Amino acid sequence: MAQRDEGAAATPAHGGEEFRLLLKRWREARRWSQERLAERAAMDHSLVSRLESGQRSPTRDAVEKLARGLELGAEQKDRLLIAAGYFPEHVENALVEEPAVRALYLFLRNEEAPQPLRDNLRQVLSGLVEMALAS
């Protein structure tokens, strides 16, 4: 019976080009070999190679190990998770490409902002979404 790599999905379901490019870019920015990253991430070096080449799709656990190994900040880790097809740990990081949406999200989650103001903004946003869907 063939042994399956821990930390990789057998068939590529997600973990596309953006994941591979980010992983390689962040590894190379540190001037690390795949072997060094694998050691820091507590993974087999051949798995890192297969993940970077797209031969394997990463599991969420593998992405988290790689992020720890690369010492990524929360936003970078979430970007890697999203690129691999997983939901980020911090929802606002999913909105990094949409600064206005991210700002709205953070404002609505800010408990120091007056509740009536946040409620009014939610109503306005709901109305805008309804108008957009109707057109």
N, C-alpha and C. Protein backbone atom coordinates (compact mmCIF):
# COMPACT_ATOMS: atom_id res chain seq x y z
N MET A 1 0.84 -1.18 0.00
CA MET A 1 0.00 0.00 0.00
C MET A 1 0.89 1.25 0.00
N ALA A 2 0.58 2.23 -0.84
CA ALA A 2 1.38 3.45 -0.96
C ALA A 2 1.18 4.32 0.26
N GLN A 3 2.26 4.94 0.69
CA GLN A 3 2.18 5.84 1.83
C GLN A 3 1.76 7.21 1.35
N ARG A 4 0.85 7.82 2.05
CA ARG A 4 0.34 9.14 1.69
C ARG A 4 1.08 10.20 2.49
N ASP A 5 1.42 11.32 1.84
CA ASP A 5 2.10 12.42 2.52
C ASP A 5 1.15 13.06 3.52
N GLU A 6 1.63 13.19 4.75
CA GLU A 6 0.85 13.92 5.74
C GLU A 6 0.96 15.40 5.42
N GLY A 7 -0.17 16.10 5.39
CA GLY A 7 -0.12 17.52 5.12
C GLY A 7 -0.42 17.89 3.68
N ALA A 8 -0.75 16.88 2.84
CA ALA A 8 -1.07 17.19 1.45
C ALA A 8 -2.27 16.38 1.02
N ALA A 9 -3.13 17.01 0.27
CA ALA A 9 -4.28 16.30 -0.29
C ALA A 9 -3.79 15.51 -1.50
N ALA A 10 -4.35 14.33 -1.70
CA ALA A 10 -3.88 13.45 -2.78
C ALA A 10 -4.13 14.05 -4.16
N THR A 11 -5.28 14.68 -4.34
CA THR A 11 -5.57 15.28 -5.63
C THR A 11 -5.69 16.78 -5.48
N PRO A 12 -5.10 17.53 -6.40
CA PRO A 12 -5.18 18.98 -6.29
C PRO A 12 -6.62 19.46 -6.40
N ALA A 13 -7.18 19.92 -5.28
CA ALA A 13 -8.53 20.47 -5.27
C ALA A 13 -8.47 21.98 -5.14
N HIS A 14 -7.51 22.45 -4.42
CA HIS A 14 -7.29 23.88 -4.25
C HIS A 14 -5.81 24.07 -3.98
N GLY A 15 -5.41 25.28 -3.70
CA GLY A 15 -3.99 25.54 -3.52
C GLY A 15 -3.35 25.82 -4.86
N GLY A 16 -3.97 26.72 -5.58
CA GLY A 16 -3.54 27.00 -6.94
C GLY A 16 -2.31 27.86 -7.04
N GLU A 17 -2.20 28.50 -8.18
CA GLU A 17 -1.01 29.28 -8.54
C GLU A 17 -0.66 30.35 -7.52
N GLU A 18 -1.66 31.07 -7.01
CA GLU A 18 -1.36 32.14 -6.05
C GLU A 18 -0.69 31.56 -4.80
N PHE A 19 -1.20 30.41 -4.31
CA PHE A 19 -0.59 29.77 -3.15
C PHE A 19 0.87 29.43 -3.43
N ARG A 20 1.12 28.80 -4.56
CA ARG A 20 2.48 28.39 -4.90
C ARG A 20 3.42 29.59 -5.02
N LEU A 21 2.93 30.66 -5.67
CA LEU A 21 3.76 31.85 -5.83
C LEU A 21 4.07 32.53 -4.51
N LEU A 22 3.06 32.63 -3.64
CA LEU A 22 3.28 33.24 -2.33
C LEU A 22 4.27 32.43 -1.52
N LEU A 23 4.08 31.12 -1.49
CA LEU A 23 4.97 30.25 -0.71
C LEU A 23 6.41 30.40 -1.19
N LYS A 24 6.60 30.34 -2.48
CA LYS A 24 7.95 30.45 -3.05
C LYS A 24 8.53 31.85 -2.80
N ARG A 25 7.72 32.89 -2.99
CA ARG A 25 8.20 34.27 -2.81
C ARG A 25 8.66 34.49 -1.36
N TRP A 26 7.83 34.04 -0.40
CA TRP A 26 8.18 34.27 1.00
C TRP A 26 9.37 33.40 1.42
N ARG A 27 9.49 32.20 0.86
CA ARG A 27 10.65 31.35 1.16
C ARG A 27 11.92 31.98 0.59
N GLU A 28 11.84 32.39 -0.67
CA GLU A 28 13.02 32.97 -1.32
C GLU A 28 13.40 34.33 -0.71
N ALA A 29 12.44 35.09 -0.21
CA ALA A 29 12.74 36.38 0.43
C ALA A 29 13.61 36.17 1.66
N ARG A 30 13.49 34.99 2.26
CA ARG A 30 14.32 34.66 3.43
C ARG A 30 15.63 33.98 3.02
N ARG A 31 15.75 33.75 1.70
CA ARG A 31 16.92 33.06 1.13
C ARG A 31 17.07 31.66 1.72
N TRP A 32 15.92 31.01 1.85
CA TRP A 32 15.89 29.65 2.37
C TRP A 32 15.70 28.67 1.24
N SER A 33 16.28 27.50 1.40
CA SER A 33 16.01 26.39 0.49
C SER A 33 14.68 25.75 0.92
N GLN A 34 14.16 24.91 0.07
CA GLN A 34 12.95 24.17 0.44
C GLN A 34 13.24 23.29 1.65
N GLU A 35 14.44 22.75 1.72
CA GLU A 35 14.82 21.90 2.85
C GLU A 35 14.81 22.69 4.16
N ARG A 36 15.30 23.92 4.11
CA ARG A 36 15.32 24.75 5.33
C ARG A 36 13.90 25.08 5.77
N LEU A 37 13.04 25.45 4.82
CA LEU A 37 11.65 25.73 5.17
C LEU A 37 11.00 24.48 5.75
N ALA A 38 11.23 23.35 5.13
CA ALA A 38 10.64 22.10 5.63
C ALA A 38 11.07 21.83 7.07
N GLU A 39 12.34 22.05 7.35
CA GLU A 39 12.84 21.85 8.71
C GLU A 39 12.15 22.79 9.69
N ARG A 40 12.05 24.06 9.30
CA ARG A 40 11.41 25.06 10.19
C ARG A 40 9.92 24.81 10.37
N ALA A 41 9.30 24.20 9.36
CA ALA A 41 7.86 23.93 9.41
C ALA A 41 7.55 22.52 9.93
N ALA A 42 8.58 21.77 10.27
CA ALA A 42 8.42 20.39 10.75
C ALA A 42 7.67 19.54 9.72
N MET A 43 8.17 19.62 8.46
CA MET A 43 7.56 18.88 7.36
C MET A 43 8.67 18.18 6.58
N ASP A 44 8.29 17.22 5.77
CA ASP A 44 9.24 16.55 4.88
C ASP A 44 9.59 17.51 3.74
N HIS A 45 10.88 17.59 3.38
CA HIS A 45 11.28 18.54 2.35
C HIS A 45 10.66 18.23 0.99
N SER A 46 10.39 16.96 0.71
CA SER A 46 9.78 16.64 -0.58
C SER A 46 8.35 17.16 -0.65
N LEU A 47 7.69 17.26 0.50
CA LEU A 47 6.33 17.81 0.52
C LEU A 47 6.36 19.30 0.16
N VAL A 48 7.30 20.03 0.71
CA VAL A 48 7.41 21.45 0.37
C VAL A 48 7.62 21.60 -1.13
N SER A 49 8.47 20.77 -1.70
CA SER A 49 8.71 20.81 -3.14
C SER A 49 7.44 20.53 -3.93
N ARG A 50 6.69 19.53 -3.52
CA ARG A 50 5.44 19.19 -4.24
C ARG A 50 4.38 20.26 -4.07
N LEU A 51 4.34 20.90 -2.90
CA LEU A 51 3.38 21.99 -2.70
C LEU A 51 3.74 23.18 -3.59
N GLU A 52 5.01 23.53 -3.64
CA GLU A 52 5.44 24.67 -4.48
C GLU A 52 5.25 24.40 -5.96
N SER A 53 5.39 23.15 -6.37
CA SER A 53 5.26 22.82 -7.80
C SER A 53 3.81 22.59 -8.21
N GLY A 54 2.92 22.46 -7.25
CA GLY A 54 1.51 22.21 -7.56
C GLY A 54 1.18 20.74 -7.73
N GLN A 55 2.13 19.86 -7.43
CA GLN A 55 1.87 18.42 -7.52
C GLN A 55 0.95 17.95 -6.41
N ARG A 56 0.91 18.70 -5.33
CA ARG A 56 0.05 18.40 -4.19
C ARG A 56 -0.68 19.65 -3.76
N SER A 57 -1.88 19.45 -3.24
CA SER A 57 -2.64 20.55 -2.66
C SER A 57 -2.45 20.52 -1.15
N PRO A 58 -2.29 21.68 -0.54
CA PRO A 58 -2.04 21.72 0.89
C PRO A 58 -3.29 21.49 1.72
N THR A 59 -3.11 20.83 2.83
CA THR A 59 -4.18 20.77 3.83
C THR A 59 -4.09 22.06 4.63
N ARG A 60 -5.12 22.35 5.38
CA ARG A 60 -5.09 23.54 6.24
C ARG A 60 -3.94 23.43 7.24
N ASP A 61 -3.74 22.23 7.79
CA ASP A 61 -2.67 22.00 8.74
C ASP A 61 -1.31 22.31 8.11
N ALA A 62 -1.11 21.89 6.87
CA ALA A 62 0.15 22.14 6.18
C ALA A 62 0.37 23.64 5.99
N VAL A 63 -0.68 24.38 5.63
CA VAL A 63 -0.56 25.83 5.44
C VAL A 63 -0.18 26.48 6.77
N GLU A 64 -0.79 26.04 7.85
CA GLU A 64 -0.49 26.61 9.16
C GLU A 64 0.95 26.31 9.58
N LYS A 65 1.42 25.10 9.29
CA LYS A 65 2.82 24.76 9.59
C LYS A 65 3.78 25.62 8.78
N LEU A 66 3.47 25.80 7.50
CA LEU A 66 4.32 26.63 6.64
C LEU A 66 4.33 28.07 7.13
N ALA A 67 3.18 28.59 7.52
CA ALA A 67 3.10 29.97 8.02
C ALA A 67 3.92 30.12 9.29
N ARG A 68 3.84 29.14 10.19
CA ARG A 68 4.66 29.19 11.41
C ARG A 68 6.15 29.12 11.06
N GLY A 69 6.50 28.20 10.15
CA GLY A 69 7.88 28.06 9.74
C GLY A 69 8.44 29.32 9.12
N LEU A 70 7.63 30.00 8.32
CA LEU A 70 8.04 31.24 7.67
C LEU A 70 7.93 32.45 8.59
N GLU A 71 7.35 32.24 9.78
CA GLU A 71 7.13 33.31 10.76
C GLU A 71 6.31 34.45 10.16
N LEU A 72 5.21 34.07 9.49
CA LEU A 72 4.34 35.05 8.86
C LEU A 72 3.48 35.75 9.90
N GLY A 73 3.18 37.00 9.64
CA GLY A 73 2.23 37.73 10.47
C GLY A 73 0.82 37.24 10.17
N ALA A 74 -0.14 37.68 10.97
CA ALA A 74 -1.52 37.22 10.83
C ALA A 74 -2.10 37.50 9.44
N GLU A 75 -1.85 38.69 8.89
CA GLU A 75 -2.39 39.03 7.58
C GLU A 75 -1.77 38.17 6.48
N GLN A 76 -0.45 37.95 6.56
CA GLN A 76 0.21 37.11 5.56
C GLN A 76 -0.25 35.66 5.68
N LYS A 77 -0.40 35.18 6.91
CA LYS A 77 -0.88 33.80 7.11
C LYS A 77 -2.27 33.65 6.52
N ASP A 78 -3.14 34.61 6.77
CA ASP A 78 -4.50 34.54 6.23
C ASP A 78 -4.48 34.62 4.71
N ARG A 79 -3.58 35.40 4.17
CA ARG A 79 -3.46 35.48 2.70
C ARG A 79 -3.06 34.13 2.12
N LEU A 80 -2.14 33.42 2.81
CA LEU A 80 -1.73 32.10 2.37
C LEU A 80 -2.88 31.10 2.50
N LEU A 81 -3.64 31.19 3.59
CA LEU A 81 -4.80 30.31 3.76
C LEU A 81 -5.82 30.53 2.65
N ILE A 82 -6.10 31.80 2.35
CA ILE A 82 -7.08 32.12 1.30
C ILE A 82 -6.58 31.60 -0.05
N ALA A 83 -5.30 31.81 -0.34
CA ALA A 83 -4.74 31.35 -1.61
C ALA A 83 -4.81 29.83 -1.73
N ALA A 84 -4.77 29.14 -0.59
CA ALA A 84 -4.85 27.68 -0.59
C ALA A 84 -6.31 27.19 -0.60
N GLY A 85 -7.25 28.13 -0.53
CA GLY A 85 -8.66 27.76 -0.60
C GLY A 85 -9.33 27.60 0.74
N TYR A 86 -8.72 28.13 1.79
CA TYR A 86 -9.28 28.01 3.14
C TYR A 86 -9.74 29.37 3.65
N PHE A 87 -10.66 29.32 4.59
CA PHE A 87 -11.16 30.53 5.22
C PHE A 87 -10.09 31.08 6.15
N PRO A 88 -9.87 32.39 6.16
CA PRO A 88 -8.83 32.97 7.02
C PRO A 88 -9.23 32.93 8.49
N GLU A 89 -8.25 33.05 9.36
CA GLU A 89 -8.53 33.12 10.80
C GLU A 89 -9.19 34.44 11.16
N HIS A 90 -8.80 35.51 10.48
CA HIS A 90 -9.35 36.84 10.74
C HIS A 90 -10.09 37.29 9.48
N VAL A 91 -11.40 37.36 9.56
CA VAL A 91 -12.24 37.65 8.40
C VAL A 91 -11.82 38.93 7.68
N GLU A 92 -11.43 39.94 8.44
CA GLU A 92 -11.07 41.21 7.81
C GLU A 92 -9.89 41.06 6.85
N ASN A 93 -9.05 40.05 7.07
CA ASN A 93 -7.93 39.83 6.17
C ASN A 93 -8.37 39.30 4.81
N ALA A 94 -9.56 38.72 4.74
CA ALA A 94 -10.09 38.27 3.45
C ALA A 94 -10.47 39.46 2.59
N LEU A 95 -10.62 40.60 3.22
CA LEU A 95 -11.07 41.80 2.51
C LEU A 95 -9.93 42.74 2.19
N VAL A 96 -8.70 42.26 2.32
CA VAL A 96 -7.54 43.12 2.13
C VAL A 96 -7.49 43.73 0.71
N GLU A 97 -8.02 43.02 -0.27
CA GLU A 97 -8.03 43.53 -1.64
C GLU A 97 -9.15 44.54 -1.88
N GLU A 98 -10.05 44.67 -0.92
CA GLU A 98 -11.17 45.61 -1.00
C GLU A 98 -11.09 46.56 0.18
N PRO A 99 -10.24 47.58 0.12
CA PRO A 99 -10.02 48.44 1.28
C PRO A 99 -11.29 49.10 1.82
N ALA A 100 -12.19 49.50 0.93
CA ALA A 100 -13.42 50.15 1.41
C ALA A 100 -14.28 49.16 2.18
N VAL A 101 -14.37 47.94 1.69
CA VAL A 101 -15.17 46.91 2.37
C VAL A 101 -14.52 46.56 3.71
N ARG A 102 -13.20 46.47 3.71
CA ARG A 102 -12.50 46.18 4.96
C ARG A 102 -12.74 47.29 5.98
N ALA A 103 -12.67 48.53 5.55
CA ALA A 103 -12.89 49.65 6.46
C ALA A 103 -14.31 49.61 7.03
N LEU A 104 -15.28 49.30 6.17
CA LEU A 104 -16.66 49.17 6.65
C LEU A 104 -16.79 48.05 7.67
N TYR A 105 -16.20 46.90 7.37
CA TYR A 105 -16.25 45.76 8.28
C TYR A 105 -15.66 46.13 9.64
N LEU A 106 -14.49 46.74 9.62
CA LEU A 106 -13.83 47.10 10.88
C LEU A 106 -14.64 48.13 11.66
N PHE A 107 -15.26 49.07 10.93
CA PHE A 107 -16.09 50.07 11.61
C PHE A 107 -17.31 49.40 12.25
N LEU A 108 -17.95 48.52 11.52
CA LEU A 108 -19.14 47.85 12.05
C LEU A 108 -18.82 46.95 13.25
N ARG A 109 -17.60 46.46 13.32
CA ARG A 109 -17.18 45.60 14.44
C ARG A 109 -16.62 46.41 15.61
N ASN A 110 -16.43 47.71 15.42
CA ASN A 110 -15.85 48.57 16.45
C ASN A 110 -16.90 48.91 17.51
N GLU A 111 -16.75 48.34 18.68
CA GLU A 111 -17.72 48.55 19.74
C GLU A 111 -17.66 49.96 20.33
N GLU A 112 -16.61 50.71 20.03
CA GLU A 112 -16.51 52.09 20.50
C GLU A 112 -17.33 53.04 19.64
N ALA A 113 -17.68 52.63 18.42
CA ALA A 113 -18.54 53.46 17.56
C ALA A 113 -19.96 53.34 18.09
N PRO A 114 -20.70 54.43 18.08
CA PRO A 114 -22.08 54.39 18.60
C PRO A 114 -22.93 53.35 17.87
N GLN A 115 -23.65 52.56 18.64
CA GLN A 115 -24.49 51.49 18.08
C GLN A 115 -25.51 52.02 17.07
N PRO A 116 -26.21 53.15 17.37
CA PRO A 116 -27.18 53.65 16.37
C PRO A 116 -26.52 53.97 15.03
N LEU A 117 -25.32 54.50 15.06
CA LEU A 117 -24.60 54.81 13.82
C LEU A 117 -24.27 53.54 13.06
N ARG A 118 -23.81 52.52 13.78
CA ARG A 118 -23.50 51.24 13.13
C ARG A 118 -24.77 50.60 12.57
N ASP A 119 -25.87 50.68 13.30
CA ASP A 119 -27.15 50.12 12.82
C ASP A 119 -27.63 50.84 11.56
N ASN A 120 -27.51 52.17 11.54
CA ASN A 120 -27.90 52.94 10.35
C ASN A 120 -27.05 52.56 9.15
N LEU A 121 -25.76 52.40 9.37
CA LEU A 121 -24.87 52.02 8.28
C LEU A 121 -25.24 50.64 7.73
N ARG A 122 -25.59 49.72 8.62
CA ARG A 122 -26.03 48.38 8.17
C ARG A 122 -27.27 48.48 7.30
N GLN A 123 -28.22 49.35 7.68
CA GLN A 123 -29.44 49.53 6.90
C GLN A 123 -29.12 50.10 5.52
N VAL A 124 -28.25 51.09 5.48
CA VAL A 124 -27.86 51.69 4.20
C VAL A 124 -27.18 50.64 3.33
N LEU A 125 -26.28 49.88 3.90
CA LEU A 125 -25.59 48.83 3.12
C LEU A 125 -26.56 47.79 2.61
N SER A 126 -27.51 47.38 3.45
CA SER A 126 -28.52 46.41 3.02
C SER A 126 -29.32 46.94 1.85
N GLY A 127 -29.69 48.22 1.92
CA GLY A 127 -30.43 48.84 0.81
C GLY A 127 -29.62 48.89 -0.46
N LEU A 128 -28.32 49.20 -0.34
CA LEU A 128 -27.45 49.23 -1.52
C LEU A 128 -27.31 47.85 -2.14
N VAL A 129 -27.20 46.84 -1.31
CA VAL A 129 -27.08 45.47 -1.84
C VAL A 129 -28.37 45.08 -2.55
N GLU A 130 -29.51 45.39 -1.96
CA GLU A 130 -30.80 45.08 -2.60
C GLU A 130 -30.90 45.78 -3.96
N MET A 131 -30.50 47.06 -4.02
CA MET A 131 -30.55 47.82 -5.28
C MET A 131 -29.61 47.18 -6.31
N ALA A 132 -28.44 46.79 -5.89
CA ALA A 132 -27.48 46.18 -6.82
C ALA A 132 -28.00 44.85 -7.35
N LEU A 133 -28.62 44.06 -6.49
CA LEU A 133 -29.14 42.76 -6.92
C LEU A 133 -30.35 42.90 -7.84
N ALA A 134 -31.11 43.98 -7.64
CA ALA A 134 -32.30 44.20 -8.46
C ALA A 134 -31.95 44.71 -9.85
N SER A 135 -30.79 45.28 -10.02
CA SER A 135 -30.46 45.86 -11.33
C SER A 135 -29.86 44.85 -12.28
